[in-house]
Amino acid sequence: MVTRTFCCVVMLILVFMNAVAIAKEYKEGYQCAKWEMSIDQVKRCFKGESFTSDGQDVISYQKKVAGDPIKFSFFFNRNRLFRVLLEVETGDYTISKFIEYEKLLTEQYGPSINRKPFDEQLTLSVMNDLLTSKRKNYAMQWSLDESTITIMLSNQSNGLNLGIIYDCKDTFGMSEQDKKTKKDHL
């Protein structure tokens, strides 16, 4: 009887520890939206925004921030948030906006992992390569505990595009196919 009770207690402790390990509480994400939140939780987090569905696992809204129209897209895998993409409409000011946002991210998160201090001359040189199609894209990246933040300029057929990507480092049990889908969302 004592052995049986002991085994039951040990089993309950193991089940509880496993449940705690699985239910990780994320502290990072984008603003109030934390990694692994559901679509409904993210919508409640940004109440007042008019979300549209850009597919089965993507919701978005548009808003002007500091005068820039931005499309905020939230990507989900099995109803769990794993990426947020901000597409900034910059008009003819894409390069100066990239420099402005890169400086803001550097102030907030420190130097990017691509290079140490912000170097405006180097940035302008790379931008020139983008404009002359010697390069397809240019990105700076910051690595946090649970997230990777990337600011990217890409040379598309419609001109230069500016995006800021907040990405969860954890794949929270995704299958290999889901990981490929996560990578393809970029």
N, C-alpha and C. Protein backbone atom coordinates (compact mmCIF):
# COMPACT_ATOMS: atom_id res chain seq x y z
N MET A 1 0.83 -1.20 0.00
CA MET A 1 0.00 0.00 0.00
C MET A 1 0.87 1.26 0.00
N VAL A 2 1.91 1.29 0.84
CA VAL A 2 2.80 2.44 0.92
C VAL A 2 3.55 2.61 -0.41
N THR A 3 3.97 1.50 -0.98
CA THR A 3 4.68 1.55 -2.25
C THR A 3 3.78 2.09 -3.35
N ARG A 4 2.53 1.64 -3.34
CA ARG A 4 1.57 2.10 -4.34
C ARG A 4 1.31 3.60 -4.20
N THR A 5 1.15 4.08 -2.98
CA THR A 5 0.93 5.50 -2.72
C THR A 5 2.16 6.30 -3.14
N PHE A 6 3.34 5.79 -2.79
CA PHE A 6 4.58 6.46 -3.17
C PHE A 6 4.69 6.57 -4.70
N CYS A 7 4.39 5.49 -5.40
CA CYS A 7 4.44 5.49 -6.87
C CYS A 7 3.45 6.50 -7.45
N CYS A 8 2.26 6.57 -6.87
CA CYS A 8 1.25 7.53 -7.34
C CYS A 8 1.72 8.96 -7.14
N VAL A 9 2.32 9.24 -5.99
CA VAL A 9 2.82 10.59 -5.71
C VAL A 9 3.95 10.95 -6.67
N VAL A 10 4.87 10.03 -6.88
CA VAL A 10 5.98 10.27 -7.81
C VAL A 10 5.44 10.52 -9.22
N MET A 11 4.47 9.73 -9.61
CA MET A 11 3.86 9.88 -10.93
C MET A 11 3.20 11.24 -11.08
N LEU A 12 2.46 11.69 -10.08
CA LEU A 12 1.82 13.00 -10.12
C LEU A 12 2.85 14.13 -10.20
N ILE A 13 3.93 13.98 -9.46
CA ILE A 13 5.00 15.00 -9.51
C ILE A 13 5.61 15.05 -10.89
N LEU A 14 5.88 13.91 -11.49
CA LEU A 14 6.45 13.87 -12.84
C LEU A 14 5.50 14.48 -13.87
N VAL A 15 4.24 14.17 -13.78
CA VAL A 15 3.25 14.74 -14.70
C VAL A 15 3.19 16.25 -14.53
N PHE A 16 3.17 16.74 -13.29
CA PHE A 16 3.13 18.17 -13.02
C PHE A 16 4.38 18.86 -13.57
N MET A 17 5.56 18.27 -13.32
CA MET A 17 6.81 18.87 -13.81
C MET A 17 6.82 18.92 -15.33
N ASN A 18 6.32 17.89 -15.96
CA ASN A 18 6.26 17.85 -17.42
C ASN A 18 5.32 18.93 -17.95
N ALA A 19 4.17 19.10 -17.31
CA ALA A 19 3.20 20.13 -17.72
C ALA A 19 3.80 21.52 -17.56
N VAL A 20 4.54 21.75 -16.49
CA VAL A 20 5.17 23.05 -16.28
C VAL A 20 6.23 23.30 -17.34
N ALA A 21 7.00 22.27 -17.68
CA ALA A 21 8.05 22.42 -18.69
C ALA A 21 7.45 22.71 -20.06
N ILE A 22 6.30 22.11 -20.38
CA ILE A 22 5.67 22.31 -21.68
C ILE A 22 5.04 23.70 -21.75
N ALA A 23 4.41 24.16 -20.70
CA ALA A 23 3.70 25.44 -20.70
C ALA A 23 4.65 26.59 -20.38
N LYS A 24 5.60 26.82 -21.28
CA LYS A 24 6.56 27.90 -21.09
C LYS A 24 5.86 29.25 -21.19
N GLU A 25 6.19 30.12 -20.29
CA GLU A 25 5.62 31.47 -20.29
C GLU A 25 6.61 32.40 -21.01
N TYR A 26 6.24 32.88 -22.16
CA TYR A 26 7.12 33.76 -22.93
C TYR A 26 7.00 35.19 -22.43
N LYS A 27 8.13 35.86 -22.37
CA LYS A 27 8.16 37.25 -21.95
C LYS A 27 8.32 38.18 -23.15
N GLU A 28 8.77 37.64 -24.27
CA GLU A 28 9.02 38.45 -25.45
C GLU A 28 7.96 38.17 -26.51
N GLY A 29 7.99 38.98 -27.54
CA GLY A 29 7.08 38.92 -28.66
C GLY A 29 7.12 40.28 -29.32
N TYR A 30 5.95 40.82 -29.61
CA TYR A 30 5.88 42.18 -30.15
C TYR A 30 4.85 42.96 -29.33
N GLN A 31 5.31 43.97 -28.66
CA GLN A 31 4.50 44.77 -27.76
C GLN A 31 3.77 43.86 -26.78
N CYS A 32 2.44 43.91 -26.72
CA CYS A 32 1.72 43.10 -25.74
C CYS A 32 1.49 41.67 -26.22
N ALA A 33 1.75 41.38 -27.48
CA ALA A 33 1.57 40.03 -28.02
C ALA A 33 2.82 39.20 -27.73
N LYS A 34 2.65 38.16 -26.96
CA LYS A 34 3.77 37.29 -26.58
C LYS A 34 3.74 36.03 -27.43
N TRP A 35 4.92 35.44 -27.62
CA TRP A 35 5.01 34.22 -28.43
C TRP A 35 4.06 33.15 -27.90
N GLU A 36 3.50 32.42 -28.80
CA GLU A 36 2.56 31.32 -28.57
C GLU A 36 1.15 31.78 -28.24
N MET A 37 0.88 33.08 -28.23
CA MET A 37 -0.51 33.52 -28.04
C MET A 37 -1.35 33.03 -29.22
N SER A 38 -2.63 32.84 -28.96
CA SER A 38 -3.55 32.42 -30.02
C SER A 38 -3.98 33.65 -30.82
N ILE A 39 -4.65 33.42 -31.93
CA ILE A 39 -5.17 34.51 -32.75
C ILE A 39 -6.11 35.39 -31.94
N ASP A 40 -7.02 34.77 -31.18
CA ASP A 40 -7.97 35.54 -30.36
C ASP A 40 -7.26 36.36 -29.29
N GLN A 41 -6.22 35.80 -28.67
CA GLN A 41 -5.47 36.54 -27.66
C GLN A 41 -4.77 37.76 -28.26
N VAL A 42 -4.20 37.59 -29.45
CA VAL A 42 -3.52 38.71 -30.11
C VAL A 42 -4.54 39.79 -30.47
N LYS A 43 -5.69 39.38 -30.98
CA LYS A 43 -6.74 40.37 -31.31
C LYS A 43 -7.18 41.14 -30.07
N ARG A 44 -7.33 40.45 -28.95
CA ARG A 44 -7.71 41.14 -27.70
C ARG A 44 -6.59 42.08 -27.24
N CYS A 45 -5.37 41.68 -27.48
CA CYS A 45 -4.21 42.48 -27.08
C CYS A 45 -4.19 43.82 -27.83
N PHE A 46 -4.62 43.81 -29.08
CA PHE A 46 -4.64 45.02 -29.91
C PHE A 46 -6.09 45.43 -30.19
N LYS A 47 -6.90 45.44 -29.13
CA LYS A 47 -8.31 45.78 -29.31
C LYS A 47 -8.41 47.19 -29.89
N GLY A 48 -9.39 47.36 -30.73
CA GLY A 48 -9.56 48.64 -31.41
C GLY A 48 -8.98 48.63 -32.81
N GLU A 49 -8.13 47.66 -33.12
CA GLU A 49 -7.57 47.55 -34.47
C GLU A 49 -8.50 46.69 -35.32
N SER A 50 -8.60 47.03 -36.58
CA SER A 50 -9.44 46.26 -37.51
C SER A 50 -8.59 45.21 -38.22
N PHE A 51 -8.64 44.00 -37.72
CA PHE A 51 -7.84 42.92 -38.28
C PHE A 51 -8.52 42.34 -39.52
N THR A 52 -7.70 41.97 -40.48
CA THR A 52 -8.16 41.19 -41.63
C THR A 52 -7.37 39.89 -41.62
N SER A 53 -7.92 38.90 -42.28
CA SER A 53 -7.22 37.61 -42.37
C SER A 53 -6.53 37.54 -43.72
N ASP A 54 -5.23 37.34 -43.69
CA ASP A 54 -4.44 37.23 -44.93
C ASP A 54 -4.18 35.78 -45.28
N GLY A 55 -4.98 34.92 -44.78
CA GLY A 55 -4.79 33.48 -44.98
C GLY A 55 -5.20 32.78 -43.70
N GLN A 56 -5.08 31.48 -43.69
CA GLN A 56 -5.53 30.70 -42.55
C GLN A 56 -4.75 31.04 -41.27
N ASP A 57 -3.47 31.31 -41.40
CA ASP A 57 -2.63 31.49 -40.23
C ASP A 57 -2.01 32.88 -40.12
N VAL A 58 -2.60 33.87 -40.79
CA VAL A 58 -2.05 35.23 -40.77
C VAL A 58 -3.18 36.23 -40.58
N ILE A 59 -3.00 37.12 -39.61
CA ILE A 59 -3.94 38.24 -39.45
C ILE A 59 -3.12 39.52 -39.51
N SER A 60 -3.77 40.62 -39.93
CA SER A 60 -3.02 41.87 -40.03
C SER A 60 -3.95 43.07 -39.85
N TYR A 61 -3.33 44.19 -39.56
CA TYR A 61 -4.04 45.46 -39.54
C TYR A 61 -3.07 46.54 -40.01
N GLN A 62 -3.62 47.67 -40.43
CA GLN A 62 -2.78 48.78 -40.90
C GLN A 62 -3.00 49.98 -40.00
N LYS A 63 -1.92 50.73 -39.82
CA LYS A 63 -1.98 51.88 -38.94
C LYS A 63 -0.81 52.81 -39.27
N LYS A 64 -1.03 54.11 -39.08
CA LYS A 64 0.06 55.07 -39.25
C LYS A 64 0.79 55.21 -37.93
N VAL A 65 2.11 55.12 -37.97
CA VAL A 65 2.95 55.31 -36.80
C VAL A 65 4.01 56.34 -37.17
N ALA A 66 4.05 57.43 -36.43
CA ALA A 66 5.00 58.52 -36.69
C ALA A 66 4.93 58.97 -38.15
N GLY A 67 3.72 58.97 -38.70
CA GLY A 67 3.51 59.42 -40.06
C GLY A 67 3.72 58.36 -41.13
N ASP A 68 4.22 57.17 -40.74
CA ASP A 68 4.47 56.10 -41.71
C ASP A 68 3.33 55.08 -41.70
N PRO A 69 2.71 54.83 -42.86
CA PRO A 69 1.72 53.75 -42.91
C PRO A 69 2.44 52.41 -42.75
N ILE A 70 1.98 51.59 -41.81
CA ILE A 70 2.62 50.30 -41.54
C ILE A 70 1.55 49.22 -41.53
N LYS A 71 1.87 48.10 -42.19
CA LYS A 71 1.01 46.91 -42.12
C LYS A 71 1.64 45.97 -41.10
N PHE A 72 0.88 45.63 -40.07
CA PHE A 72 1.32 44.74 -39.01
C PHE A 72 0.71 43.36 -39.28
N SER A 73 1.55 42.37 -39.57
CA SER A 73 1.08 41.01 -39.85
C SER A 73 1.56 40.06 -38.76
N PHE A 74 0.64 39.22 -38.27
CA PHE A 74 0.93 38.27 -37.20
C PHE A 74 0.80 36.86 -37.79
N PHE A 75 1.86 36.07 -37.69
CA PHE A 75 1.90 34.74 -38.27
C PHE A 75 1.76 33.69 -37.17
N PHE A 76 0.93 32.69 -37.44
CA PHE A 76 0.64 31.65 -36.45
C PHE A 76 0.92 30.28 -37.05
N ASN A 77 1.32 29.36 -36.20
CA ASN A 77 1.45 27.96 -36.57
C ASN A 77 0.63 27.20 -35.55
N ARG A 78 -0.37 26.48 -36.01
CA ARG A 78 -1.27 25.75 -35.11
C ARG A 78 -1.84 26.68 -34.05
N ASN A 79 -2.22 27.89 -34.51
CA ASN A 79 -2.84 28.91 -33.66
C ASN A 79 -1.91 29.41 -32.56
N ARG A 80 -0.60 29.41 -32.83
CA ARG A 80 0.38 29.94 -31.87
C ARG A 80 1.27 30.95 -32.59
N LEU A 81 1.34 32.15 -32.04
CA LEU A 81 2.11 33.23 -32.64
C LEU A 81 3.60 32.89 -32.68
N PHE A 82 4.22 33.05 -33.86
CA PHE A 82 5.66 32.82 -33.96
C PHE A 82 6.40 33.94 -34.70
N ARG A 83 5.68 34.83 -35.40
CA ARG A 83 6.35 35.90 -36.14
C ARG A 83 5.42 37.10 -36.26
N VAL A 84 6.03 38.29 -36.22
CA VAL A 84 5.32 39.53 -36.50
C VAL A 84 6.14 40.28 -37.54
N LEU A 85 5.48 40.71 -38.60
CA LEU A 85 6.14 41.44 -39.68
C LEU A 85 5.53 42.82 -39.79
N LEU A 86 6.37 43.84 -39.76
CA LEU A 86 5.94 45.22 -39.98
C LEU A 86 6.44 45.64 -41.35
N GLU A 87 5.51 45.92 -42.26
CA GLU A 87 5.87 46.39 -43.59
C GLU A 87 5.64 47.89 -43.62
N VAL A 88 6.72 48.64 -43.75
CA VAL A 88 6.66 50.10 -43.66
C VAL A 88 6.58 50.67 -45.07
N GLU A 89 5.53 51.46 -45.31
CA GLU A 89 5.40 52.16 -46.60
C GLU A 89 6.17 53.46 -46.47
N THR A 90 7.24 53.58 -47.25
CA THR A 90 8.14 54.72 -47.08
C THR A 90 8.16 55.68 -48.26
N GLY A 91 7.50 55.32 -49.34
CA GLY A 91 7.53 56.19 -50.52
C GLY A 91 8.95 56.32 -51.04
N ASP A 92 9.36 57.56 -51.27
CA ASP A 92 10.71 57.81 -51.80
C ASP A 92 11.77 57.89 -50.71
N TYR A 93 11.40 57.64 -49.46
CA TYR A 93 12.33 57.82 -48.35
C TYR A 93 12.77 56.50 -47.71
N THR A 94 12.81 55.43 -48.48
CA THR A 94 13.09 54.11 -47.94
C THR A 94 14.44 54.05 -47.24
N ILE A 95 15.47 54.57 -47.88
CA ILE A 95 16.82 54.48 -47.29
C ILE A 95 16.91 55.30 -46.01
N SER A 96 16.40 56.52 -46.03
CA SER A 96 16.48 57.33 -44.81
C SER A 96 15.62 56.72 -43.70
N LYS A 97 14.49 56.10 -44.05
CA LYS A 97 13.66 55.43 -43.05
C LYS A 97 14.36 54.20 -42.48
N PHE A 98 15.06 53.47 -43.35
CA PHE A 98 15.84 52.32 -42.87
C PHE A 98 16.86 52.79 -41.83
N ILE A 99 17.59 53.83 -42.15
CA ILE A 99 18.60 54.37 -41.23
C ILE A 99 17.94 54.82 -39.93
N GLU A 100 16.80 55.49 -40.04
CA GLU A 100 16.08 55.96 -38.85
C GLU A 100 15.64 54.80 -37.96
N TYR A 101 15.04 53.75 -38.57
CA TYR A 101 14.58 52.60 -37.79
C TYR A 101 15.76 51.79 -37.25
N GLU A 102 16.82 51.68 -38.02
CA GLU A 102 18.00 50.96 -37.52
C GLU A 102 18.57 51.66 -36.29
N LYS A 103 18.63 52.98 -36.32
CA LYS A 103 19.13 53.73 -35.16
C LYS A 103 18.22 53.50 -33.95
N LEU A 104 16.89 53.51 -34.16
CA LEU A 104 15.96 53.28 -33.05
C LEU A 104 16.14 51.88 -32.46
N LEU A 105 16.28 50.88 -33.31
CA LEU A 105 16.48 49.51 -32.82
C LEU A 105 17.81 49.38 -32.09
N THR A 106 18.84 50.06 -32.59
CA THR A 106 20.15 50.03 -31.93
C THR A 106 20.07 50.70 -30.55
N GLU A 107 19.34 51.80 -30.47
CA GLU A 107 19.16 52.46 -29.17
C GLU A 107 18.44 51.55 -28.18
N GLN A 108 17.44 50.81 -28.67
CA GLN A 108 16.64 49.97 -27.80
C GLN A 108 17.34 48.66 -27.43
N TYR A 109 18.02 48.03 -28.40
CA TYR A 109 18.56 46.69 -28.18
C TYR A 109 20.09 46.61 -28.20
N GLY A 110 20.76 47.72 -28.42
CA GLY A 110 22.22 47.70 -28.50
C GLY A 110 22.66 47.40 -29.93
N PRO A 111 23.96 47.19 -30.11
CA PRO A 111 24.47 46.94 -31.47
C PRO A 111 23.87 45.68 -32.07
N SER A 112 23.68 45.71 -33.38
CA SER A 112 23.17 44.52 -34.07
C SER A 112 24.27 43.47 -34.09
N ILE A 113 23.89 42.23 -34.38
CA ILE A 113 24.91 41.17 -34.43
C ILE A 113 25.70 41.24 -35.73
N ASN A 114 25.26 42.06 -36.70
CA ASN A 114 25.96 42.19 -37.97
C ASN A 114 27.19 43.09 -37.88
N ARG A 115 27.10 44.11 -37.07
CA ARG A 115 28.25 45.01 -36.92
C ARG A 115 28.11 45.73 -35.60
N LYS A 116 29.20 46.22 -35.12
CA LYS A 116 29.19 46.83 -33.78
C LYS A 116 28.46 48.17 -33.77
N PRO A 117 29.13 49.29 -33.94
CA PRO A 117 28.39 50.56 -33.86
C PRO A 117 27.67 50.86 -35.16
N PHE A 118 26.64 51.69 -35.08
CA PHE A 118 25.95 52.14 -36.28
C PHE A 118 26.92 52.93 -37.14
N ASP A 119 26.97 52.65 -38.43
CA ASP A 119 27.89 53.31 -39.35
C ASP A 119 27.10 53.81 -40.55
N GLU A 120 26.76 55.09 -40.54
CA GLU A 120 25.90 55.64 -41.58
C GLU A 120 26.56 55.57 -42.96
N GLN A 121 27.89 55.78 -43.05
CA GLN A 121 28.58 55.73 -44.35
C GLN A 121 28.49 54.33 -44.96
N LEU A 122 28.71 53.29 -44.12
CA LEU A 122 28.61 51.92 -44.61
C LEU A 122 27.19 51.63 -45.06
N THR A 123 26.22 52.07 -44.28
CA THR A 123 24.81 51.85 -44.63
C THR A 123 24.50 52.51 -45.97
N LEU A 124 24.94 53.73 -46.17
CA LEU A 124 24.69 54.43 -47.44
C LEU A 124 25.37 53.72 -48.61
N SER A 125 26.56 53.18 -48.41
CA SER A 125 27.27 52.43 -49.45
C SER A 125 26.47 51.19 -49.85
N VAL A 126 25.96 50.46 -48.86
CA VAL A 126 25.17 49.26 -49.14
C VAL A 126 23.87 49.64 -49.84
N MET A 127 23.27 50.74 -49.42
CA MET A 127 22.02 51.20 -50.05
C MET A 127 22.25 51.49 -51.53
N ASN A 128 23.38 52.09 -51.85
CA ASN A 128 23.70 52.37 -53.25
C ASN A 128 23.77 51.07 -54.05
N ASP A 129 24.37 50.03 -53.45
CA ASP A 129 24.41 48.73 -54.11
C ASP A 129 23.01 48.17 -54.33
N LEU A 130 22.11 48.39 -53.38
CA LEU A 130 20.73 47.94 -53.54
C LEU A 130 20.06 48.67 -54.70
N LEU A 131 20.28 49.97 -54.76
CA LEU A 131 19.64 50.78 -55.81
C LEU A 131 20.14 50.41 -57.20
N THR A 132 21.39 50.01 -57.30
CA THR A 132 21.95 49.66 -58.60
C THR A 132 21.84 48.16 -58.88
N SER A 133 21.04 47.46 -58.07
CA SER A 133 20.74 46.03 -58.22
C SER A 133 21.97 45.13 -58.08
N LYS A 134 23.01 45.61 -57.43
CA LYS A 134 24.15 44.74 -57.16
C LYS A 134 23.84 43.81 -55.99
N ARG A 135 22.78 44.14 -55.26
CA ARG A 135 22.37 43.38 -54.08
C ARG A 135 20.87 43.20 -54.11
N LYS A 136 20.35 42.07 -53.61
CA LYS A 136 18.90 41.84 -53.55
C LYS A 136 18.30 42.30 -52.23
N ASN A 137 19.07 42.18 -51.12
CA ASN A 137 18.55 42.64 -49.84
C ASN A 137 19.69 42.98 -48.89
N TYR A 138 19.32 43.66 -47.84
CA TYR A 138 20.26 44.08 -46.81
C TYR A 138 19.52 44.03 -45.49
N ALA A 139 20.14 43.39 -44.49
CA ALA A 139 19.44 43.22 -43.22
C ALA A 139 20.40 43.43 -42.05
N MET A 140 19.83 43.91 -40.97
CA MET A 140 20.52 44.00 -39.69
C MET A 140 19.71 43.18 -38.71
N GLN A 141 20.39 42.55 -37.74
CA GLN A 141 19.67 41.64 -36.86
C GLN A 141 20.12 41.81 -35.41
N TRP A 142 19.15 41.65 -34.51
CA TRP A 142 19.38 41.69 -33.07
C TRP A 142 18.90 40.37 -32.49
N SER A 143 19.67 39.82 -31.56
CA SER A 143 19.31 38.55 -30.94
C SER A 143 19.02 38.79 -29.47
N LEU A 144 17.79 38.47 -29.05
CA LEU A 144 17.38 38.58 -27.66
C LEU A 144 17.26 37.17 -27.07
N ASP A 145 16.79 37.05 -25.85
CA ASP A 145 16.68 35.74 -25.23
C ASP A 145 15.74 34.81 -26.00
N GLU A 146 14.55 35.30 -26.36
CA GLU A 146 13.53 34.47 -27.00
C GLU A 146 13.23 34.88 -28.44
N SER A 147 13.80 35.99 -28.87
CA SER A 147 13.43 36.58 -30.16
C SER A 147 14.64 36.97 -30.99
N THR A 148 14.39 37.05 -32.28
CA THR A 148 15.34 37.64 -33.21
C THR A 148 14.59 38.77 -33.90
N ILE A 149 15.22 39.93 -33.98
CA ILE A 149 14.61 41.07 -34.65
C ILE A 149 15.47 41.41 -35.86
N THR A 150 14.83 41.54 -37.01
CA THR A 150 15.54 41.81 -38.24
C THR A 150 14.91 43.01 -38.93
N ILE A 151 15.73 43.96 -39.34
CA ILE A 151 15.24 45.03 -40.20
C ILE A 151 15.84 44.76 -41.57
N MET A 152 14.99 44.77 -42.59
CA MET A 152 15.45 44.35 -43.91
C MET A 152 14.97 45.28 -45.01
N LEU A 153 15.89 45.58 -45.89
CA LEU A 153 15.56 46.27 -47.13
C LEU A 153 15.66 45.24 -48.23
N SER A 154 14.68 45.17 -49.09
CA SER A 154 14.77 44.24 -50.21
C SER A 154 14.46 44.98 -51.50
N ASN A 155 15.19 44.61 -52.52
CA ASN A 155 15.03 45.21 -53.84
C ASN A 155 14.04 44.35 -54.62
N GLN A 156 12.82 44.84 -54.74
CA GLN A 156 11.76 44.12 -55.45
C GLN A 156 11.48 44.82 -56.78
N SER A 157 10.66 44.21 -57.58
CA SER A 157 10.32 44.80 -58.88
C SER A 157 9.64 46.16 -58.73
N ASN A 158 8.96 46.38 -57.60
CA ASN A 158 8.27 47.65 -57.38
C ASN A 158 9.14 48.65 -56.60
N GLY A 159 10.42 48.35 -56.44
CA GLY A 159 11.34 49.25 -55.74
C GLY A 159 11.81 48.66 -54.43
N LEU A 160 12.38 49.51 -53.59
CA LEU A 160 12.88 49.06 -52.29
C LEU A 160 11.74 48.92 -51.30
N ASN A 161 11.76 47.84 -50.54
CA ASN A 161 10.76 47.61 -49.50
C ASN A 161 11.46 47.51 -48.15
N LEU A 162 10.82 48.05 -47.12
CA LEU A 162 11.37 48.04 -45.77
C LEU A 162 10.47 47.21 -44.87
N GLY A 163 11.07 46.26 -44.17
CA GLY A 163 10.32 45.43 -43.24
C GLY A 163 11.08 45.22 -41.94
N ILE A 164 10.34 45.06 -40.87
CA ILE A 164 10.93 44.73 -39.57
C ILE A 164 10.25 43.45 -39.11
N ILE A 165 11.06 42.44 -38.79
CA ILE A 165 10.54 41.11 -38.46
C ILE A 165 10.91 40.77 -37.03
N TYR A 166 9.91 40.42 -36.24
CA TYR A 166 10.11 39.90 -34.89
C TYR A 166 9.82 38.41 -34.97
N ASP A 167 10.81 37.60 -34.63
CA ASP A 167 10.70 36.15 -34.82
C ASP A 167 10.98 35.42 -33.52
N CYS A 168 10.15 34.45 -33.18
CA CYS A 168 10.37 33.62 -32.00
C CYS A 168 11.50 32.63 -32.31
N LYS A 169 12.48 32.54 -31.43
CA LYS A 169 13.58 31.59 -31.63
C LYS A 169 13.12 30.15 -31.43
N ASP A 170 12.16 29.95 -30.57
CA ASP A 170 11.70 28.61 -30.23
C ASP A 170 10.76 28.09 -31.31
N THR A 171 10.87 26.82 -31.61
CA THR A 171 9.96 26.22 -32.59
C THR A 171 8.83 25.49 -31.88
N PHE A 172 8.78 25.58 -30.55
CA PHE A 172 7.77 24.98 -29.68
C PHE A 172 7.11 23.72 -30.24
N GLY A 173 7.97 22.74 -30.49
CA GLY A 173 7.47 21.43 -30.87
C GLY A 173 6.95 21.34 -32.29
N MET A 174 7.37 22.24 -33.16
CA MET A 174 6.91 22.18 -34.56
C MET A 174 7.50 20.96 -35.25
N SER A 175 6.72 20.40 -36.14
CA SER A 175 7.23 19.31 -36.97
C SER A 175 8.21 19.90 -37.97
N GLU A 176 8.96 19.05 -38.64
CA GLU A 176 9.92 19.54 -39.64
C GLU A 176 9.19 20.31 -40.75
N GLN A 177 7.99 19.84 -41.14
CA GLN A 177 7.21 20.54 -42.16
C GLN A 177 6.78 21.92 -41.66
N ASP A 178 6.37 22.01 -40.38
CA ASP A 178 5.97 23.30 -39.81
C ASP A 178 7.16 24.25 -39.75
N LYS A 179 8.35 23.73 -39.42
CA LYS A 179 9.55 24.58 -39.39
C LYS A 179 9.84 25.12 -40.77
N LYS A 180 9.65 24.27 -41.81
CA LYS A 180 9.87 24.73 -43.18
C LYS A 180 8.85 25.81 -43.52
N THR A 181 7.60 25.63 -43.11
CA THR A 181 6.55 26.62 -43.35
C THR A 181 6.91 27.93 -42.66
N LYS A 182 7.41 27.86 -41.44
CA LYS A 182 7.83 29.06 -40.70
C LYS A 182 8.90 29.79 -41.48
N LYS A 183 9.88 29.05 -41.98
CA LYS A 183 10.97 29.66 -42.74
C LYS A 183 10.44 30.26 -44.05
N ASP A 184 9.52 29.55 -44.70
CA ASP A 184 8.97 30.03 -45.97
C ASP A 184 8.12 31.29 -45.83
N HIS A 185 7.56 31.54 -44.62
CA HIS A 185 6.76 32.75 -44.42
C HIS A 185 7.59 34.02 -44.62
N LEU A 186 8.89 33.90 -44.51
CA LEU A 186 9.76 35.06 -44.76
C LEU A 186 9.73 35.35 -46.22
